[in-house]
PDB file of N, CA and C in Angstrom:
ATOM      1  N   MET A   1      38.837 -42.728  11.347  1.00  0.00           N
ATOM      2  CA  MET A   1      37.927 -41.618  11.423  1.00  0.00           C
ATOM      3  C   MET A   1      38.714 -40.317  11.241  1.00  0.00           C
ATOM      4  N   ASN A   2      38.125 -39.403  10.507  1.00  0.00           N
ATOM      5  CA  ASN A   2      38.801 -38.159  10.203  1.00  0.00           C
ATOM      6  C   ASN A   2      38.440 -37.116  11.270  1.00  0.00           C
ATOM      7  N   TRP A   3      39.391 -36.801  12.154  1.00  0.00           N
ATOM      8  CA  TRP A   3      39.142 -35.883  13.272  1.00  0.00           C
ATOM      9  C   TRP A   3      38.963 -34.441  12.813  1.00  0.00           C
ATOM     10  N   THR A   4      39.511 -34.103  11.666  1.00  0.00           N
ATOM     11  CA  THR A   4      39.354 -32.724  11.196  1.00  0.00           C
ATOM     12  C   THR A   4      37.899 -32.429  10.863  1.00  0.00           C
ATOM     13  N   ARG A   5      37.196 -33.414  10.319  1.00  0.00           N
ATOM     14  CA  ARG A   5      35.773 -33.219  10.015  1.00  0.00           C
ATOM     15  C   ARG A   5      34.970 -32.998  11.295  1.00  0.00           C
ATOM     16  N   VAL A   6      35.300 -33.740  12.327  1.00  0.00           N
ATOM     17  CA  VAL A   6      34.604 -33.610  13.601  1.00  0.00           C
ATOM     18  C   VAL A   6      34.875 -32.232  14.187  1.00  0.00           C
ATOM     19  N   LEU A   7      36.113 -31.771  14.134  1.00  0.00           N
ATOM     20  CA  LEU A   7      36.459 -30.454  14.674  1.00  0.00           C
ATOM     21  C   LEU A   7      35.794 -29.335  13.879  1.00  0.00           C
ATOM     22  N   VAL A   8      35.751 -29.461  12.557  1.00  0.00           N
ATOM     23  CA  VAL A   8      35.100 -28.444  11.731  1.00  0.00           C
ATOM     24  C   VAL A   8      33.600 -28.412  12.018  1.00  0.00           C
ATOM     25  N   ALA A   9      32.977 -29.571  12.146  1.00  0.00           N
ATOM     26  CA  ALA A   9      31.545 -29.635  12.446  1.00  0.00           C
ATOM     27  C   ALA A   9      31.256 -29.048  13.823  1.00  0.00           C
ATOM     28  N   ALA A  10      32.081 -29.339  14.811  1.00  0.00           N
ATOM     29  CA  ALA A  10      31.887 -28.791  16.148  1.00  0.00           C
ATOM     30  C   ALA A  10      32.073 -27.273  16.132  1.00  0.00           C
ATOM     31  N   GLY A  11      33.059 -26.781  15.417  1.00  0.00           N
ATOM     32  CA  GLY A  11      33.269 -25.338  15.307  1.00  0.00           C
ATOM     33  C   GLY A  11      32.101 -24.649  14.616  1.00  0.00           C
ATOM     34  N   ALA A  12      31.595 -25.260  13.546  1.00  0.00           N
ATOM     35  CA  ALA A  12      30.458 -24.674  12.834  1.00  0.00           C
ATOM     36  C   ALA A  12      29.215 -24.671  13.729  1.00  0.00           C
ATOM     37  N   ALA A  13      28.989 -25.735  14.478  1.00  0.00           N
ATOM     38  CA  ALA A  13      27.839 -25.797  15.384  1.00  0.00           C
ATOM     39  C   ALA A  13      27.963 -24.730  16.475  1.00  0.00           C
ATOM     40  N   TYR A  14      29.164 -24.534  17.010  1.00  0.00           N
ATOM     41  CA  TYR A  14      29.382 -23.515  18.035  1.00  0.00           C
ATOM     42  C   TYR A  14      29.086 -22.122  17.474  1.00  0.00           C
ATOM     43  N   ILE A  15      29.571 -21.827  16.270  1.00  0.00           N
ATOM     44  CA  ILE A  15      29.341 -20.514  15.658  1.00  0.00           C
ATOM     45  C   ILE A  15      27.849 -20.299  15.400  1.00  0.00           C
ATOM     46  N   MET A  16      27.153 -21.318  14.897  1.00  0.00           N
ATOM     47  CA  MET A  16      25.717 -21.173  14.630  1.00  0.00           C
ATOM     48  C   MET A  16      24.928 -20.969  15.928  1.00  0.00           C
ATOM     49  N   LEU A  17      25.293 -21.659  16.992  1.00  0.00           N
ATOM     50  CA  LEU A  17      24.622 -21.465  18.277  1.00  0.00           C
ATOM     51  C   LEU A  17      24.850 -20.050  18.803  1.00  0.00           C
ATOM     52  N   ARG A  18      26.074 -19.552  18.705  1.00  0.00           N
ATOM     53  CA  ARG A  18      26.369 -18.196  19.167  1.00  0.00           C
ATOM     54  C   ARG A  18      25.569 -17.160  18.385  1.00  0.00           C
ATOM     55  N   MET A  19      25.483 -17.349  17.065  1.00  0.00           N
ATOM     56  CA  MET A  19      24.717 -16.422  16.237  1.00  0.00           C
ATOM     57  C   MET A  19      23.232 -16.492  16.577  1.00  0.00           C
ATOM     58  N   GLY A  20      22.703 -17.662  16.802  1.00  0.00           N
ATOM     59  CA  GLY A  20      21.294 -17.826  17.159  1.00  0.00           C
ATOM     60  C   GLY A  20      20.963 -17.174  18.487  1.00  0.00           C
ATOM     61  N   PHE A  21      21.827 -17.366  19.478  1.00  0.00           N
ATOM     62  CA  PHE A  21      21.596 -16.730  20.779  1.00  0.00           C
ATOM     63  C   PHE A  21      21.698 -15.209  20.670  1.00  0.00           C
ATOM     64  N   ALA A  22      22.614 -14.708  19.840  1.00  0.00           N
ATOM     65  CA  ALA A  22      22.745 -13.258  19.663  1.00  0.00           C
ATOM     66  C   ALA A  22      21.483 -12.688  19.022  1.00  0.00           C
ATOM     67  N   MET A  23      20.906 -13.400  18.059  1.00  0.00           N
ATOM     68  CA  MET A  23      19.669 -12.927  17.427  1.00  0.00           C
ATOM     69  C   MET A  23      18.512 -12.944  18.422  1.00  0.00           C
ATOM     70  N   LEU A  24      18.398 -13.984  19.212  1.00  0.00           N
ATOM     71  CA  LEU A  24      17.337 -14.045  20.212  1.00  0.00           C
ATOM     72  C   LEU A  24      17.507 -12.948  21.264  1.00  0.00           C
ATOM     73  N   ARG A  25      18.736 -12.653  21.653  1.00  0.00           N
ATOM     74  CA  ARG A  25      18.996 -11.588  22.609  1.00  0.00           C
ATOM     75  C   ARG A  25      18.580 -10.238  22.020  1.00  0.00           C
ATOM     76  N   GLY A  26      18.793 -10.045  20.729  1.00  0.00           N
ATOM     77  CA  GLY A  26      18.380  -8.812  20.075  1.00  0.00           C
ATOM     78  C   GLY A  26      16.870  -8.659  20.025  1.00  0.00           C
ATOM     79  N   LEU A  27      16.150  -9.756  19.848  1.00  0.00           N
ATOM     80  CA  LEU A  27      14.691  -9.699  19.843  1.00  0.00           C
ATOM     81  C   LEU A  27      14.135  -9.398  21.229  1.00  0.00           C
ATOM     82  N   GLY A  28      14.847  -9.776  22.256  1.00  0.00           N
ATOM     83  CA  GLY A  28      14.374  -9.551  23.614  1.00  0.00           C
ATOM     84  C   GLY A  28      14.685  -8.163  24.140  1.00  0.00           C
ATOM     85  N   ALA A  29      15.448  -7.365  23.401  1.00  0.00           N
ATOM     86  CA  ALA A  29      15.798  -6.017  23.858  1.00  0.00           C
ATOM     87  C   ALA A  29      14.564  -5.126  23.817  1.00  0.00           C
ATOM     88  N   PRO A  30      14.436  -4.205  24.759  1.00  0.00           N
ATOM     89  CA  PRO A  30      13.262  -3.312  24.760  1.00  0.00           C
ATOM     90  C   PRO A  30      13.299  -2.356  23.573  1.00  0.00           C
ATOM     91  N   THR A  31      12.116  -1.937  23.147  1.00  0.00           N
ATOM     92  CA  THR A  31      12.034  -1.011  22.024  1.00  0.00           C
ATOM     93  C   THR A  31      12.461   0.381  22.488  1.00  0.00           C
ATOM     94  N   PRO A  32      13.028   1.178  21.594  1.00  0.00           N
ATOM     95  CA  PRO A  32      13.438   2.519  21.999  1.00  0.00           C
ATOM     96  C   PRO A  32      12.229   3.386  22.316  1.00  0.00           C
ATOM     97  N   GLU A  33      12.442   4.398  23.146  1.00  0.00           N
ATOM     98  CA  GLU A  33      11.352   5.289  23.536  1.00  0.00           C
ATOM     99  C   GLU A  33      10.896   6.108  22.334  1.00  0.00           C
ATOM    100  N   PRO A  34       9.602   6.405  22.251  1.00  0.00           N
ATOM    101  CA  PRO A  34       9.126   7.222  21.132  1.00  0.00           C
ATOM    102  C   PRO A  34       9.644   8.652  21.255  1.00  0.00           C
ATOM    103  N   PRO A  35       9.689   9.369  20.133  1.00  0.00           N
ATOM    104  CA  PRO A  35      10.160  10.757  20.200  1.00  0.00           C
ATOM    105  C   PRO A  35       9.203  11.596  21.032  1.00  0.00           C
ATOM    106  N   PRO A  36       9.671  12.729  21.549  1.00  0.00           N
ATOM    107  CA  PRO A  36       8.801  13.583  22.356  1.00  0.00           C
ATOM    108  C   PRO A  36       7.593  14.043  21.545  1.00  0.00           C
ATOM    109  N   PRO A  37       6.439  14.246  22.202  1.00  0.00           N
ATOM    110  CA  PRO A  37       5.252  14.666  21.457  1.00  0.00           C
ATOM    111  C   PRO A  37       5.471  16.031  20.807  1.00  0.00           C
ATOM    112  N   GLY A  38       4.926  16.166  19.612  1.00  0.00           N
ATOM    113  CA  GLY A  38       5.050  17.414  18.874  1.00  0.00           C
ATOM    114  C   GLY A  38       6.264  17.458  17.972  1.00  0.00           C
ATOM    115  N   GLU A  39       7.130  16.449  18.046  1.00  0.00           N
ATOM    116  CA  GLU A  39       8.325  16.462  17.202  1.00  0.00           C
ATOM    117  C   GLU A  39       7.980  16.088  15.763  1.00  0.00           C
ATOM    118  N   LEU A  40       7.066  15.146  15.586  1.00  0.00           N
ATOM    119  CA  LEU A  40       6.647  14.746  14.243  1.00  0.00           C
ATOM    120  C   LEU A  40       5.330  15.436  13.904  1.00  0.00           C
ATOM    121  N   ARG A  41       5.184  15.819  12.651  1.00  0.00           N
ATOM    122  CA  ARG A  41       3.949  16.459  12.195  1.00  0.00           C
ATOM    123  C   ARG A  41       3.118  15.452  11.416  1.00  0.00           C
ATOM    124  N   LYS A  42       1.811  15.622  11.487  1.00  0.00           N
ATOM    125  CA  LYS A  42       0.925  14.768  10.700  1.00  0.00           C
ATOM    126  C   LYS A  42       0.866  15.319   9.285  1.00  0.00           C
ATOM    127  N   VAL A  43       1.144  14.459   8.330  1.00  0.00           N
ATOM    128  CA  VAL A  43       1.045  14.805   6.910  1.00  0.00           C
ATOM    129  C   VAL A  43       0.277  13.698   6.221  1.00  0.00           C
ATOM    130  N   ARG A  44      -0.207  13.958   5.044  1.00  0.00           N
ATOM    131  CA  ARG A  44      -0.885  12.931   4.258  1.00  0.00           C
ATOM    132  C   ARG A  44      -0.395  13.076   2.826  1.00  0.00           C
ATOM    133  N   LEU A  45       0.708  12.394   2.535  1.00  0.00           N
ATOM    134  CA  LEU A  45       1.338  12.473   1.225  1.00  0.00           C
ATOM    135  C   LEU A  45       1.383  11.082   0.613  1.00  0.00           C
ATOM    136  N   ASN A  46       1.063  10.995  -0.664  1.00  0.00           N
ATOM    137  CA  ASN A  46       1.119   9.727  -1.388  1.00  0.00           C
ATOM    138  C   ASN A  46       2.257   9.799  -2.395  1.00  0.00           C
ATOM    139  N   TYR A  47       3.054   8.738  -2.437  1.00  0.00           N
ATOM    140  CA  TYR A  47       4.184   8.654  -3.355  1.00  0.00           C
ATOM    141  C   TYR A  47       4.055   7.387  -4.186  1.00  0.00           C
ATOM    142  N   ARG A  48       4.623   7.423  -5.388  1.00  0.00           N
ATOM    143  CA  ARG A  48       4.632   6.250  -6.273  1.00  0.00           C
ATOM    144  C   ARG A  48       6.024   6.130  -6.881  1.00  0.00           C
ATOM    145  N   CYS A  49       6.538   4.906  -6.915  1.00  0.00           N
ATOM    146  CA  CYS A  49       7.826   4.634  -7.549  1.00  0.00           C
ATOM    147  C   CYS A  49       7.621   4.653  -9.058  1.00  0.00           C
ATOM    148  N   GLY A  50       8.419   5.447  -9.758  1.00  0.00           N
ATOM    149  CA  GLY A  50       8.300   5.551 -11.206  1.00  0.00           C
ATOM    150  C   GLY A  50       8.812   4.327 -11.942  1.00  0.00           C
ATOM    151  N   ILE A  51       9.561   3.472 -11.267  1.00  0.00           N
ATOM    152  CA  ILE A  51      10.139   2.306 -11.930  1.00  0.00           C
ATOM    153  C   ILE A  51       9.250   1.071 -11.783  1.00  0.00           C
ATOM    154  N   CYS A  52       8.856   0.757 -10.539  1.00  0.00           N
ATOM    155  CA  CYS A  52       8.094  -0.482 -10.318  1.00  0.00           C
ATOM    156  C   CYS A  52       6.634  -0.240  -9.962  1.00  0.00           C
ATOM    157  N   GLY A  53       6.252   1.003  -9.660  1.00  0.00           N
ATOM    158  CA  GLY A  53       4.853   1.303  -9.382  1.00  0.00           C
ATOM    159  C   GLY A  53       4.425   1.122  -7.941  1.00  0.00           C
ATOM    160  N   THR A  54       5.355   0.848  -7.037  1.00  0.00           N
ATOM    161  CA  THR A  54       5.012   0.709  -5.627  1.00  0.00           C
ATOM    162  C   THR A  54       4.487   2.035  -5.085  1.00  0.00           C
ATOM    163  N   GLU A  55       3.385   1.987  -4.325  1.00  0.00           N
ATOM    164  CA  GLU A  55       2.805   3.196  -3.766  1.00  0.00           C
ATOM    165  C   GLU A  55       3.006   3.222  -2.258  1.00  0.00           C
ATOM    166  N   LEU A  56       3.139   4.445  -1.703  1.00  0.00           N
ATOM    167  CA  LEU A  56       3.411   4.631  -0.298  1.00  0.00           C
ATOM    168  C   LEU A  56       2.657   5.854   0.200  1.00  0.00           C
ATOM    169  N   ARG A  57       2.079   5.758   1.399  1.00  0.00           N
ATOM    170  CA  ARG A  57       1.424   6.914   2.029  1.00  0.00           C
ATOM    171  C   ARG A  57       2.237   7.297   3.258  1.00  0.00           C
ATOM    172  N   MET A  58       2.670   8.551   3.308  1.00  0.00           N
ATOM    173  CA  MET A  58       3.404   9.061   4.457  1.00  0.00           C
ATOM    174  C   MET A  58       2.409   9.778   5.359  1.00  0.00           C
ATOM    175  N   THR A  59       2.364   9.385   6.629  1.00  0.00           N
ATOM    176  CA  THR A  59       1.392   9.966   7.549  1.00  0.00           C
ATOM    177  C   THR A  59       2.023  10.882   8.583  1.00  0.00           C
ATOM    178  N   SER A  60       3.316  10.785   8.822  1.00  0.00           N
ATOM    179  CA  SER A  60       3.984  11.688   9.754  1.00  0.00           C
ATOM    180  C   SER A  60       5.398  11.952   9.254  1.00  0.00           C
ATOM    181  N   ALA A  61       5.860  13.183   9.501  1.00  0.00           N
ATOM    182  CA  ALA A  61       7.179  13.590   9.048  1.00  0.00           C
ATOM    183  C   ALA A  61       7.698  14.678   9.976  1.00  0.00           C
ATOM    184  N   PRO A  62       9.006  14.907  10.005  1.00  0.00           N
ATOM    185  CA  PRO A  62       9.543  15.937  10.881  1.00  0.00           C
ATOM    186  C   PRO A  62       9.200  17.360  10.435  1.00  0.00           C
ATOM    187  N   ASP A  63       8.841  17.557   9.180  1.00  0.00           N
ATOM    188  CA  ASP A  63       8.422  18.878   8.708  1.00  0.00           C
ATOM    189  C   ASP A  63       7.277  18.719   7.714  1.00  0.00           C
ATOM    190  N   GLU A  64       6.668  19.836   7.306  1.00  0.00           N
ATOM    191  CA  GLU A  64       5.485  19.772   6.439  1.00  0.00           C
ATOM    192  C   GLU A  64       5.818  19.347   5.015  1.00  0.00           C
ATOM    193  N   ASP A  65       7.018  19.625   4.561  1.00  0.00           N
ATOM    194  CA  ASP A  65       7.419  19.278   3.193  1.00  0.00           C
ATOM    195  C   ASP A  65       8.665  18.399   3.247  1.00  0.00           C
ATOM    196  N   PRO A  66       8.498  17.093   3.587  1.00  0.00           N
ATOM    197  CA  PRO A  66       9.661  16.211   3.721  1.00  0.00           C
ATOM    198  C   PRO A  66      10.213  15.825   2.348  1.00  0.00           C
ATOM    199  N   PRO A  67      11.475  15.457   2.275  1.00  0.00           N
ATOM    200  CA  PRO A  67      12.021  14.965   1.010  1.00  0.00           C
ATOM    201  C   PRO A  67      11.367  13.640   0.641  1.00  0.00           C
ATOM    202  N   PRO A  68      11.239  13.352  -0.642  1.00  0.00           N
ATOM    203  CA  PRO A  68      10.588  12.093  -1.035  1.00  0.00           C
ATOM    204  C   PRO A  68      11.409  10.879  -0.632  1.00  0.00           C
ATOM    205  N   PRO A  69      10.735   9.789  -0.270  1.00  0.00           N
ATOM    206  CA  PRO A  69      11.463   8.556   0.051  1.00  0.00           C
ATOM    207  C   PRO A  69      12.069   7.962  -1.209  1.00  0.00           C
ATOM    208  N   ARG A  70      13.014   7.058  -1.017  1.00  0.00           N
ATOM    209  CA  ARG A  70      13.684   6.423  -2.161  1.00  0.00           C
ATOM    210  C   ARG A  70      13.220   4.976  -2.283  1.00  0.00           C
ATOM    211  N   HIS A  71      13.041   4.543  -3.520  1.00  0.00           N
ATOM    212  CA  HIS A  71      12.685   3.160  -3.815  1.00  0.00           C
ATOM    213  C   HIS A  71      13.308   2.823  -5.154  1.00  0.00           C
ATOM    214  N   CYS A  72      13.816   1.640  -5.322  1.00  0.00           N
ATOM    215  CA  CYS A  72      14.523   1.226  -6.543  1.00  0.00           C
ATOM    216  C   CYS A  72      15.674   2.194  -6.839  1.00  0.00           C
ATOM    217  N   LEU A  73      16.306   2.694  -5.791  1.00  0.00           N
ATOM    218  CA  LEU A  73      17.445   3.610  -5.867  1.00  0.00           C
ATOM    219  C   LEU A  73      17.104   4.935  -6.527  1.00  0.00           C
ATOM    220  N   GLU A  74      15.828   5.308  -6.598  1.00  0.00           N
ATOM    221  CA  GLU A  74      15.388   6.582  -7.178  1.00  0.00           C
ATOM    222  C   GLU A  74      14.398   7.245  -6.224  1.00  0.00           C
ATOM    223  N   ASP A  75      14.289   8.585  -6.289  1.00  0.00           N
ATOM    224  CA  ASP A  75      13.283   9.281  -5.500  1.00  0.00           C
ATOM    225  C   ASP A  75      11.901   8.928  -6.031  1.00  0.00           C
ATOM    226  N   MET A  76      10.952   8.760  -5.104  1.00  0.00           N
ATOM    227  CA  MET A  76       9.580   8.455  -5.508  1.00  0.00           C
ATOM    228  C   MET A  76       8.885   9.743  -5.940  1.00  0.00           C
ATOM    229  N   ASP A  77       7.858   9.612  -6.799  1.00  0.00           N
ATOM    230  CA  ASP A  77       7.111  10.747  -7.323  1.00  0.00           C
ATOM    231  C   ASP A  77       5.918  11.028  -6.422  1.00  0.00           C
ATOM    232  N   LEU A  78       5.690  12.323  -6.132  1.00  0.00           N
ATOM    233  CA  LEU A  78       4.532  12.735  -5.344  1.00  0.00           C
ATOM    234  C   LEU A  78       3.285  12.598  -6.211  1.00  0.00           C
ATOM    235  N   VAL A  79       2.247  11.936  -5.668  1.00  0.00           N
ATOM    236  CA  VAL A  79       1.001  11.727  -6.386  1.00  0.00           C
ATOM    237  C   VAL A  79      -0.023  12.707  -5.829  1.00  0.00           C
ATOM    238  N   ALA A  80      -0.813  13.319  -6.698  1.00  0.00           N
ATOM    239  CA  ALA A  80      -1.841  14.254  -6.253  1.00  0.00           C
ATOM    240  C   ALA A  80      -2.851  13.524  -5.381  1.00  0.00           C
ATOM    241  N   PRO A  81      -3.283  14.124  -4.270  1.00  0.00           N
ATOM    242  CA  PRO A  81      -4.236  13.453  -3.398  1.00  0.00           C
ATOM    243  C   PRO A  81      -5.596  13.290  -4.064  1.00  0.00           C
ATOM    244  N   VAL A  82      -6.267  12.200  -3.756  1.00  0.00           N
ATOM    245  CA  VAL A  82      -7.600  11.922  -4.287  1.00  0.00           C
ATOM    246  C   VAL A  82      -8.610  12.650  -3.418  1.00  0.00           C
ATOM    247  N   MET A  83      -9.531  13.342  -4.023  1.00  0.00           N
ATOM    248  CA  MET A  83     -10.559  14.085  -3.270  1.00  0.00           C
ATOM    249  C   MET A  83     -11.527  13.083  -2.651  1.00  0.00           C
ATOM    250  N   GLU A  84     -11.739  13.180  -1.349  1.00  0.00           N
ATOM    251  CA  GLU A  84     -12.647  12.252  -0.671  1.00  0.00           C
ATOM    252  C   GLU A  84     -13.885  12.955  -0.222  1.00  0.00           C
TER     253      GLU A  84
END
């Protein structure tokens, strides 16, 4: 019987168990507290990725004119709001 295979398998199992427990411990951590009220502003901005066409609606931002988000490693384009 090859003992090196047994030792490698035991070491790999130990590492995988440690990683699994670390991930579960991270999921059990409490969520961070929300920012103080009034820190974020309500906005209604629609963005579209010029490369793949993904659309995004931003509903809150730290200021009224936030920088555009990035998608596909490029800044997204601001889309004119639809009149409702």
